PDB file of N, CA and C in Angstrom:
ATOM      1  N   MET A   1      25.947 -20.723  37.547  1.00  0.00           N
ATOM      2  CA  MET A   1      24.949 -20.155  36.687  1.00  0.00           C
ATOM      3  C   MET A   1      23.636 -20.097  37.456  1.00  0.00           C
ATOM      4  N   ASP A   2      23.028 -18.907  37.517  1.00  0.00           N
ATOM      5  CA  ASP A   2      21.774 -18.739  38.236  1.00  0.00           C
ATOM      6  C   ASP A   2      20.615 -19.195  37.366  1.00  0.00           C
ATOM      7  N   SER A   3      19.698 -19.888  37.963  1.00  0.00           N
ATOM      8  CA  SER A   3      18.507 -20.347  37.265  1.00  0.00           C
ATOM      9  C   SER A   3      17.309 -19.606  37.836  1.00  0.00           C
ATOM     10  N   THR A   4      16.596 -18.877  36.976  1.00  0.00           N
ATOM     11  CA  THR A   4      15.439 -18.110  37.435  1.00  0.00           C
ATOM     12  C   THR A   4      14.161 -18.924  37.347  1.00  0.00           C
ATOM     13  N   GLY A   5      14.232 -20.138  36.886  1.00  0.00           N
ATOM     14  CA  GLY A   5      13.058 -20.992  36.798  1.00  0.00           C
ATOM     15  C   GLY A   5      12.386 -20.945  35.446  1.00  0.00           C
ATOM     16  N   ALA A   6      12.740 -20.000  34.601  1.00  0.00           N
ATOM     17  CA  ALA A   6      12.132 -19.889  33.268  1.00  0.00           C
ATOM     18  C   ALA A   6      13.199 -20.187  32.227  1.00  0.00           C
ATOM     19  N   ASP A   7      12.899 -21.095  31.376  1.00  0.00           N
ATOM     20  CA  ASP A   7      13.815 -21.463  30.302  1.00  0.00           C
ATOM     21  C   ASP A   7      13.494 -20.613  29.080  1.00  0.00           C
ATOM     22  N   ARG A   8      14.525 -20.161  28.369  1.00  0.00           N
ATOM     23  CA  ARG A   8      14.301 -19.334  27.184  1.00  0.00           C
ATOM     24  C   ARG A   8      13.521 -20.068  26.116  1.00  0.00           C
ATOM     25  N   ALA A   9      13.686 -21.363  26.033  1.00  0.00           N
ATOM     26  CA  ALA A   9      12.999 -22.139  25.013  1.00  0.00           C
ATOM     27  C   ALA A   9      11.594 -22.544  25.443  1.00  0.00           C
ATOM     28  N   ASP A  10      11.202 -22.134  26.641  1.00  0.00           N
ATOM     29  CA  ASP A  10       9.889 -22.510  27.155  1.00  0.00           C
ATOM     30  C   ASP A  10       8.844 -21.494  26.683  1.00  0.00           C
ATOM     31  N   ILE A  11       8.396 -21.637  25.430  1.00  0.00           N
ATOM     32  CA  ILE A  11       7.379 -20.759  24.857  1.00  0.00           C
ATOM     33  C   ILE A  11       6.286 -21.638  24.275  1.00  0.00           C
ATOM     34  N   ASP A  12       5.069 -21.196  24.464  1.00  0.00           N
ATOM     35  CA  ASP A  12       3.933 -21.960  23.984  1.00  0.00           C
ATOM     36  C   ASP A  12       3.843 -21.844  22.461  1.00  0.00           C
ATOM     37  N   VAL A  13       3.439 -22.919  21.827  1.00  0.00           N
ATOM     38  CA  VAL A  13       3.334 -22.936  20.363  1.00  0.00           C
ATOM     39  C   VAL A  13       2.288 -21.933  19.896  1.00  0.00           C
ATOM     40  N   ASP A  14       1.187 -21.820  20.634  1.00  0.00           N
ATOM     41  CA  ASP A  14       0.146 -20.866  20.247  1.00  0.00           C
ATOM     42  C   ASP A  14       0.660 -19.425  20.282  1.00  0.00           C
ATOM     43  N   ASP A  15       1.471 -19.103  21.295  1.00  0.00           N
ATOM     44  CA  ASP A  15       2.034 -17.757  21.371  1.00  0.00           C
ATOM     45  C   ASP A  15       2.981 -17.490  20.204  1.00  0.00           C
ATOM     46  N   LEU A  16       3.767 -18.482  19.857  1.00  0.00           N
ATOM     47  CA  LEU A  16       4.685 -18.334  18.737  1.00  0.00           C
ATOM     48  C   LEU A  16       3.924 -18.150  17.434  1.00  0.00           C
ATOM     49  N   LEU A  17       2.842 -18.893  17.243  1.00  0.00           N
ATOM     50  CA  LEU A  17       2.023 -18.750  16.037  1.00  0.00           C
ATOM     51  C   LEU A  17       1.353 -17.373  15.979  1.00  0.00           C
ATOM     52  N   LYS A  18       0.960 -16.844  17.139  1.00  0.00           N
ATOM     53  CA  LYS A  18       0.373 -15.501  17.174  1.00  0.00           C
ATOM     54  C   LYS A  18       1.394 -14.448  16.763  1.00  0.00           C
ATOM     55  N   VAL A  19       2.619 -14.597  17.202  1.00  0.00           N
ATOM     56  CA  VAL A  19       3.678 -13.657  16.822  1.00  0.00           C
ATOM     57  C   VAL A  19       3.931 -13.730  15.326  1.00  0.00           C
ATOM     58  N   ILE A  20       4.002 -14.931  14.777  1.00  0.00           N
ATOM     59  CA  ILE A  20       4.247 -15.104  13.341  1.00  0.00           C
ATOM     60  C   ILE A  20       3.084 -14.544  12.538  1.00  0.00           C
ATOM     61  N   LEU A  21       1.844 -14.788  13.001  1.00  0.00           N
ATOM     62  CA  LEU A  21       0.668 -14.251  12.317  1.00  0.00           C
ATOM     63  C   LEU A  21       0.673 -12.730  12.341  1.00  0.00           C
ATOM     64  N   GLY A  22       1.029 -12.147  13.471  1.00  0.00           N
ATOM     65  CA  GLY A  22       1.109 -10.691  13.565  1.00  0.00           C
ATOM     66  C   GLY A  22       2.148 -10.114  12.623  1.00  0.00           C
ATOM     67  N   LEU A  23       3.302 -10.750  12.535  1.00  0.00           N
ATOM     68  CA  LEU A  23       4.342 -10.280  11.615  1.00  0.00           C
ATOM     69  C   LEU A  23       3.909 -10.412  10.158  1.00  0.00           C
ATOM     70  N   ALA A  24       3.196 -11.491   9.832  1.00  0.00           N
ATOM     71  CA  ALA A  24       2.709 -11.677   8.465  1.00  0.00           C
ATOM     72  C   ALA A  24       1.670 -10.613   8.110  1.00  0.00           C
ATOM     73  N   ILE A  25       0.803 -10.264   9.060  1.00  0.00           N
ATOM     74  CA  ILE A  25      -0.200  -9.225   8.810  1.00  0.00           C
ATOM     75  C   ILE A  25       0.468  -7.874   8.589  1.00  0.00           C
ATOM     76  N   VAL A  26       1.464  -7.546   9.404  1.00  0.00           N
ATOM     77  CA  VAL A  26       2.194  -6.288   9.233  1.00  0.00           C
ATOM     78  C   VAL A  26       2.883  -6.252   7.878  1.00  0.00           C
ATOM     79  N   TRP A  27       3.476  -7.371   7.470  1.00  0.00           N
ATOM     80  CA  TRP A  27       4.153  -7.443   6.175  1.00  0.00           C
ATOM     81  C   TRP A  27       3.167  -7.217   5.034  1.00  0.00           C
ATOM     82  N   LEU A  28       1.999  -7.855   5.090  1.00  0.00           N
ATOM     83  CA  LEU A  28       0.993  -7.680   4.038  1.00  0.00           C
ATOM     84  C   LEU A  28       0.470  -6.250   4.001  1.00  0.00           C
ATOM     85  N   LEU A  29       0.260  -5.639   5.164  1.00  0.00           N
ATOM     86  CA  LEU A  29      -0.192  -4.248   5.184  1.00  0.00           C
ATOM     87  C   LEU A  29       0.840  -3.306   4.580  1.00  0.00           C
ATOM     88  N   LEU A  30       2.113  -3.559   4.844  1.00  0.00           N
ATOM     89  CA  LEU A  30       3.164  -2.737   4.244  1.00  0.00           C
ATOM     90  C   LEU A  30       3.220  -2.916   2.728  1.00  0.00           C
ATOM     91  N   GLU A  31       3.003  -4.134   2.249  1.00  0.00           N
ATOM     92  CA  GLU A  31       2.974  -4.375   0.803  1.00  0.00           C
ATOM     93  C   GLU A  31       1.799  -3.634   0.161  1.00  0.00           C
ATOM     94  N   ILE A  32       0.636  -3.683   0.801  1.00  0.00           N
ATOM     95  CA  ILE A  32      -0.542  -2.984   0.268  1.00  0.00           C
ATOM     96  C   ILE A  32      -0.314  -1.480   0.273  1.00  0.00           C
ATOM     97  N   LEU A  33       0.243  -0.960   1.350  1.00  0.00           N
ATOM     98  CA  LEU A  33       0.530   0.471   1.427  1.00  0.00           C
ATOM     99  C   LEU A  33       1.522   0.899   0.351  1.00  0.00           C
ATOM    100  N   GLY A  34       2.549   0.087   0.116  1.00  0.00           N
ATOM    101  CA  GLY A  34       3.512   0.398  -0.941  1.00  0.00           C
ATOM    102  C   GLY A  34       2.878   0.425  -2.313  1.00  0.00           C
ATOM    103  N   THR A  35       1.960  -0.505  -2.570  1.00  0.00           N
ATOM    104  CA  THR A  35       1.271  -0.534  -3.859  1.00  0.00           C
ATOM    105  C   THR A  35       0.384   0.694  -4.034  1.00  0.00           C
ATOM    106  N   VAL A  36      -0.334   1.071  -2.967  1.00  0.00           N
ATOM    107  CA  VAL A  36      -1.194   2.256  -3.040  1.00  0.00           C
ATOM    108  C   VAL A  36      -0.357   3.512  -3.283  1.00  0.00           C
ATOM    109  N   LEU A  37       0.773   3.612  -2.621  1.00  0.00           N
ATOM    110  CA  LEU A  37       1.633   4.777  -2.825  1.00  0.00           C
ATOM    111  C   LEU A  37       2.210   4.805  -4.235  1.00  0.00           C
ATOM    112  N   ASP A  38       2.576   3.643  -4.775  1.00  0.00           N
ATOM    113  CA  ASP A  38       3.077   3.594  -6.152  1.00  0.00           C
ATOM    114  C   ASP A  38       2.019   4.069  -7.135  1.00  0.00           C
ATOM    115  N   ILE A  39       0.781   3.622  -6.936  1.00  0.00           N
ATOM    116  CA  ILE A  39      -0.306   4.035  -7.829  1.00  0.00           C
ATOM    117  C   ILE A  39      -0.560   5.532  -7.698  1.00  0.00           C
ATOM    118  N   THR A  40      -0.519   6.039  -6.471  1.00  0.00           N
ATOM    119  CA  THR A  40      -0.748   7.461  -6.240  1.00  0.00           C
ATOM    120  C   THR A  40       0.321   8.303  -6.920  1.00  0.00           C
ATOM    121  N   PHE A  41       1.585   7.920  -6.763  1.00  0.00           N
ATOM    122  CA  PHE A  41       2.655   8.685  -7.396  1.00  0.00           C
ATOM    123  C   PHE A  41       2.605   8.577  -8.919  1.00  0.00           C
ATOM    124  N   ALA A  42       2.166   7.444  -9.448  1.00  0.00           N
ATOM    125  CA  ALA A  42       2.021   7.305 -10.898  1.00  0.00           C
ATOM    126  C   ALA A  42       0.933   8.240 -11.416  1.00  0.00           C
ATOM    127  N   LEU A  43      -0.162   8.357 -10.672  1.00  0.00           N
ATOM    128  CA  LEU A  43      -1.230   9.272 -11.083  1.00  0.00           C
ATOM    129  C   LEU A  43      -0.785  10.724 -10.996  1.00  0.00           C
ATOM    130  N   ILE A  44       0.002  11.043  -9.969  1.00  0.00           N
ATOM    131  CA  ILE A  44       0.491  12.421  -9.837  1.00  0.00           C
ATOM    132  C   ILE A  44       1.445  12.756 -10.979  1.00  0.00           C
ATOM    133  N   GLU A  45       2.279  11.798 -11.375  1.00  0.00           N
ATOM    134  CA  GLU A  45       3.188  12.022 -12.502  1.00  0.00           C
ATOM    135  C   GLU A  45       2.423  12.183 -13.807  1.00  0.00           C
ATOM    136  N   ALA A  46       1.296  11.493 -13.952  1.00  0.00           N
ATOM    137  CA  ALA A  46       0.518  11.543 -15.181  1.00  0.00           C
ATOM    138  C   ALA A  46      -0.457  12.719 -15.204  1.00  0.00           C
ATOM    139  N   LEU A  47      -0.532  13.485 -14.126  1.00  0.00           N
ATOM    140  CA  LEU A  47      -1.494  14.574 -14.028  1.00  0.00           C
ATOM    141  C   LEU A  47      -1.360  15.619 -15.140  1.00  0.00           C
ATOM    142  N   PRO A  48      -0.174  16.100 -15.495  1.00  0.00           N
ATOM    143  CA  PRO A  48      -0.086  17.069 -16.597  1.00  0.00           C
ATOM    144  C   PRO A  48      -0.604  16.504 -17.925  1.00  0.00           C
ATOM    145  N   THR A  49      -0.329  15.251 -18.191  1.00  0.00           N
ATOM    146  CA  THR A  49      -0.824  14.629 -19.423  1.00  0.00           C
ATOM    147  C   THR A  49      -2.346  14.517 -19.403  1.00  0.00           C
ATOM    148  N   LEU A  50      -2.903  14.140 -18.246  1.00  0.00           N
ATOM    149  CA  LEU A  50      -4.357  14.046 -18.133  1.00  0.00           C
ATOM    150  C   LEU A  50      -5.020  15.409 -18.293  1.00  0.00           C
ATOM    151  N   ILE A  51      -4.396  16.457 -17.775  1.00  0.00           N
ATOM    152  CA  ILE A  51      -4.931  17.812 -17.942  1.00  0.00           C
ATOM    153  C   ILE A  51      -4.897  18.218 -19.411  1.00  0.00           C
ATOM    154  N   ALA A  52      -3.815  17.894 -20.105  1.00  0.00           N
ATOM    155  CA  ALA A  52      -3.712  18.216 -21.530  1.00  0.00           C
ATOM    156  C   ALA A  52      -4.786  17.473 -22.336  1.00  0.00           C
ATOM    157  N   VAL A  53      -5.017  16.216 -22.014  1.00  0.00           N
ATOM    158  CA  VAL A  53      -6.057  15.448 -22.707  1.00  0.00           C
ATOM    159  C   VAL A  53      -7.425  16.059 -22.435  1.00  0.00           C
ATOM    160  N   ALA A  54      -7.681  16.472 -21.211  1.00  0.00           N
ATOM    161  CA  ALA A  54      -8.960  17.095 -20.881  1.00  0.00           C
ATOM    162  C   ALA A  54      -9.153  18.401 -21.645  1.00  0.00           C
ATOM    163  N   ILE A  55      -8.096  19.191 -21.774  1.00  0.00           N
ATOM    164  CA  ILE A  55      -8.183  20.446 -22.526  1.00  0.00           C
ATOM    165  C   ILE A  55      -8.484  20.168 -23.992  1.00  0.00           C
ATOM    166  N   VAL A  56      -7.807  19.191 -24.576  1.00  0.00           N
ATOM    167  CA  VAL A  56      -8.042  18.847 -25.981  1.00  0.00           C
ATOM    168  C   VAL A  56      -9.484  18.376 -26.180  1.00  0.00           C
ATOM    169  N   VAL A  57      -9.979  17.556 -25.273  1.00  0.00           N
ATOM    170  CA  VAL A  57     -11.357  17.065 -25.377  1.00  0.00           C
ATOM    171  C   VAL A  57     -12.340  18.217 -25.255  1.00  0.00           C
ATOM    172  N   LEU A  58     -12.115  19.133 -24.324  1.00  0.00           N
ATOM    173  CA  LEU A  58     -13.010  20.275 -24.181  1.00  0.00           C
ATOM    174  C   LEU A  58     -13.005  21.172 -25.412  1.00  0.00           C
ATOM    175  N   ILE A  59     -11.838  21.395 -25.996  1.00  0.00           N
ATOM    176  CA  ILE A  59     -11.759  22.205 -27.212  1.00  0.00           C
ATOM    177  C   ILE A  59     -12.474  21.504 -28.363  1.00  0.00           C
ATOM    178  N   ALA A  60     -12.270  20.198 -28.497  1.00  0.00           N
ATOM    179  CA  ALA A  60     -12.952  19.454 -29.559  1.00  0.00           C
ATOM    180  C   ALA A  60     -14.466  19.475 -29.372  1.00  0.00           C
ATOM    181  N   LEU A  61     -14.928  19.349 -28.140  1.00  0.00           N
ATOM    182  CA  LEU A  61     -16.366  19.420 -27.880  1.00  0.00           C
ATOM    183  C   LEU A  61     -16.914  20.819 -28.176  1.00  0.00           C
ATOM    184  N   ARG A  62     -16.155  21.849 -27.867  1.00  0.00           N
ATOM    185  CA  ARG A  62     -16.585  23.219 -28.141  1.00  0.00           C
ATOM    186  C   ARG A  62     -16.663  23.474 -29.648  1.00  0.00           C
ATOM    187  N   LEU A  63     -15.680  22.992 -30.396  1.00  0.00           N
ATOM    188  CA  LEU A  63     -15.678  23.203 -31.845  1.00  0.00           C
ATOM    189  C   LEU A  63     -16.792  22.430 -32.553  1.00  0.00           C
ATOM    190  N   THR A  64     -17.205  21.330 -31.990  1.00  0.00           N
ATOM    191  CA  THR A  64     -18.286  20.543 -32.608  1.00  0.00           C
ATOM    192  C   THR A  64     -19.650  20.892 -32.029  1.00  0.00           C
ATOM    193  N   ASP A  65     -19.736  21.966 -31.275  1.00  0.00           N
ATOM    194  CA  ASP A  65     -20.971  22.457 -30.661  1.00  0.00           C
ATOM    195  C   ASP A  65     -21.639  21.413 -29.778  1.00  0.00           C
ATOM    196  N   ARG A  66     -20.862  20.588 -29.131  1.00  0.00           N
ATOM    197  CA  ARG A  66     -21.390  19.614 -28.175  1.00  0.00           C
ATOM    198  C   ARG A  66     -21.309  20.142 -26.748  1.00  0.00           C
ATOM    199  N   LEU A  67     -20.674  21.286 -26.584  1.00  0.00           N
ATOM    200  CA  LEU A  67     -20.485  21.835 -25.249  1.00  0.00           C
ATOM    201  C   LEU A  67     -21.193  23.155 -25.119  1.00  0.00           C
TER     202      LEU A  67
END
């Protein structure tokens, strides 16, 4: 068995903690991005209803001479 002088288990604790911290940051960013996309798609799905509510409000304001 050839020995290259470097052991696979020879890793600094600080380097390992940096890798774990980086993975945790990526995971949190993906969770935040998923939440933002869910909210965006929910608003897009609700868009026809919001337009209908806006039309009703505008008609009601016009009939009551507030517009």
